[in-house]
Amino acid sequence: MIDQATADALRRHWDDGWNNYDLETIMAPFATDVVFSSPFVARLTGDGTTTITGYDALRAYIADSLARVPGIRYTVDGTYAGTDSIVLAYTCH
């Protein structure tokens, strides 16, 4: 089970990183074998997949996202920790 402190740390990195356009802050909590899923993945990649596997692939996706959406702001609405995953519910502005 992932503890709430870990989920909260990810939330802070996600919120601070995206809102400050700081790739290093966003990526800091992710392991090399990260599996990242989001409905936004398909929108930006155009290939229909919603999952990215691996640190380097996620880093490239996020760097591209930061470049594509100048001025975007995020509000994290909720953080949920499961046995082997963390869900961040957020609103894009």
Protein backbone atom coordinates (compact mmCIF):
# COMPACT_ATOMS: atom_id res chain seq x y z
CA MET A 1 0.00 0.00 0.00
CA ILE A 2 1.26 3.45 -0.88
CA ASP A 3 1.08 5.72 2.14
CA GLN A 4 -0.63 9.09 2.14
CA ALA A 5 2.66 10.94 2.74
CA THR A 6 3.99 9.58 -0.59
CA ALA A 7 0.77 10.58 -2.35
CA ASP A 8 0.95 14.07 -0.83
CA ALA A 9 4.58 14.46 -1.96
CA LEU A 10 3.60 13.52 -5.51
CA ARG A 11 0.77 16.04 -5.34
CA ARG A 12 3.14 18.84 -4.30
CA HIS A 13 5.62 17.99 -7.05
CA TRP A 14 2.86 17.82 -9.66
CA ASP A 15 1.21 21.04 -8.56
CA ASP A 16 4.41 23.05 -8.08
CA GLY A 17 6.12 21.63 -11.16
CA TRP A 18 3.31 22.23 -13.64
CA ASN A 19 2.38 25.63 -12.29
CA ASN A 20 6.02 26.75 -12.44
CA TYR A 21 6.85 24.98 -15.71
CA ASP A 22 9.59 23.06 -13.89
CA LEU A 23 10.26 19.69 -15.51
CA GLU A 24 12.75 18.63 -12.83
CA THR A 25 10.21 19.19 -10.04
CA ILE A 26 7.51 17.28 -11.91
CA MET A 27 9.80 14.32 -12.58
CA ALA A 28 11.51 14.12 -9.17
CA PRO A 29 9.22 11.54 -7.54
CA PHE A 30 9.01 9.13 -10.50
CA ALA A 31 10.91 5.83 -10.65
CA THR A 32 12.60 4.54 -13.80
CA ASP A 33 9.83 1.96 -14.28
CA VAL A 34 6.94 4.42 -13.88
CA VAL A 35 3.65 3.58 -15.56
CA PHE A 36 1.67 6.77 -16.13
CA SER A 37 -1.92 6.86 -17.39
CA SER A 38 -4.00 9.87 -18.31
CA PRO A 39 -6.72 10.62 -20.85
CA PHE A 40 -4.57 13.56 -21.94
CA VAL A 41 -1.88 11.21 -23.28
CA ALA A 42 -4.03 10.22 -26.27
CA ARG A 43 -4.85 13.87 -27.01
CA LEU A 44 -1.20 14.88 -27.22
CA THR A 45 0.29 11.78 -28.82
CA GLY A 46 -2.53 11.14 -31.26
CA ASP A 47 -1.97 7.38 -31.18
CA GLY A 48 -4.96 6.41 -29.00
CA THR A 49 -2.97 5.13 -26.03
CA THR A 50 -3.53 6.55 -22.57
CA THR A 51 -0.48 5.00 -20.90
CA ILE A 52 3.21 5.88 -20.92
CA THR A 53 5.76 3.40 -19.58
CA GLY A 54 9.23 4.37 -18.35
CA TYR A 55 10.87 7.48 -16.95
CA ASP A 56 12.44 8.68 -20.21
CA ALA A 57 9.18 8.35 -22.15
CA LEU A 58 7.25 10.18 -19.43
CA ARG A 59 9.88 12.91 -19.26
CA ALA A 60 9.66 13.43 -23.03
CA TYR A 61 5.85 13.53 -22.89
CA ILE A 62 5.83 16.09 -20.06
CA ALA A 63 8.51 18.25 -21.69
CA ASP A 64 6.46 18.27 -24.88
CA SER A 65 3.30 19.09 -22.91
CA LEU A 66 4.98 22.02 -21.18
CA ALA A 67 6.06 23.41 -24.55
CA ARG A 68 2.61 22.96 -26.13
CA VAL A 69 0.49 24.61 -23.45
CA PRO A 70 2.02 27.90 -22.29
CA GLY A 71 0.01 29.59 -19.58
CA ILE A 72 -1.78 26.47 -18.38
CA ARG A 73 -2.53 26.25 -14.66
CA TYR A 74 -3.40 23.17 -12.62
CA THR A 75 -5.42 22.77 -9.47
CA VAL A 76 -5.11 19.37 -7.79
CA ASP A 77 -8.61 18.51 -6.57
CA GLY A 78 -7.82 15.22 -4.85
CA THR A 79 -5.09 12.68 -4.19
CA TYR A 80 -5.90 9.00 -3.75
CA ALA A 81 -3.41 6.30 -2.74
CA GLY A 82 -3.99 2.65 -3.62
CA THR A 83 -2.00 -0.52 -3.17
CA ASP A 84 0.33 0.17 -6.09
CA SER A 85 -0.82 3.42 -7.63
CA ILE A 86 -1.63 7.04 -6.91
CA VAL A 87 -4.44 8.95 -8.59
CA LEU A 88 -4.35 12.72 -8.86
CA ALA A 89 -7.63 14.34 -9.82
CA TYR A 90 -7.00 17.81 -11.17
CA THR A 91 -8.49 20.64 -13.15
CA CYS A 92 -6.65 22.35 -16.01
CA HIS A 93 -7.22 26.07 -16.43
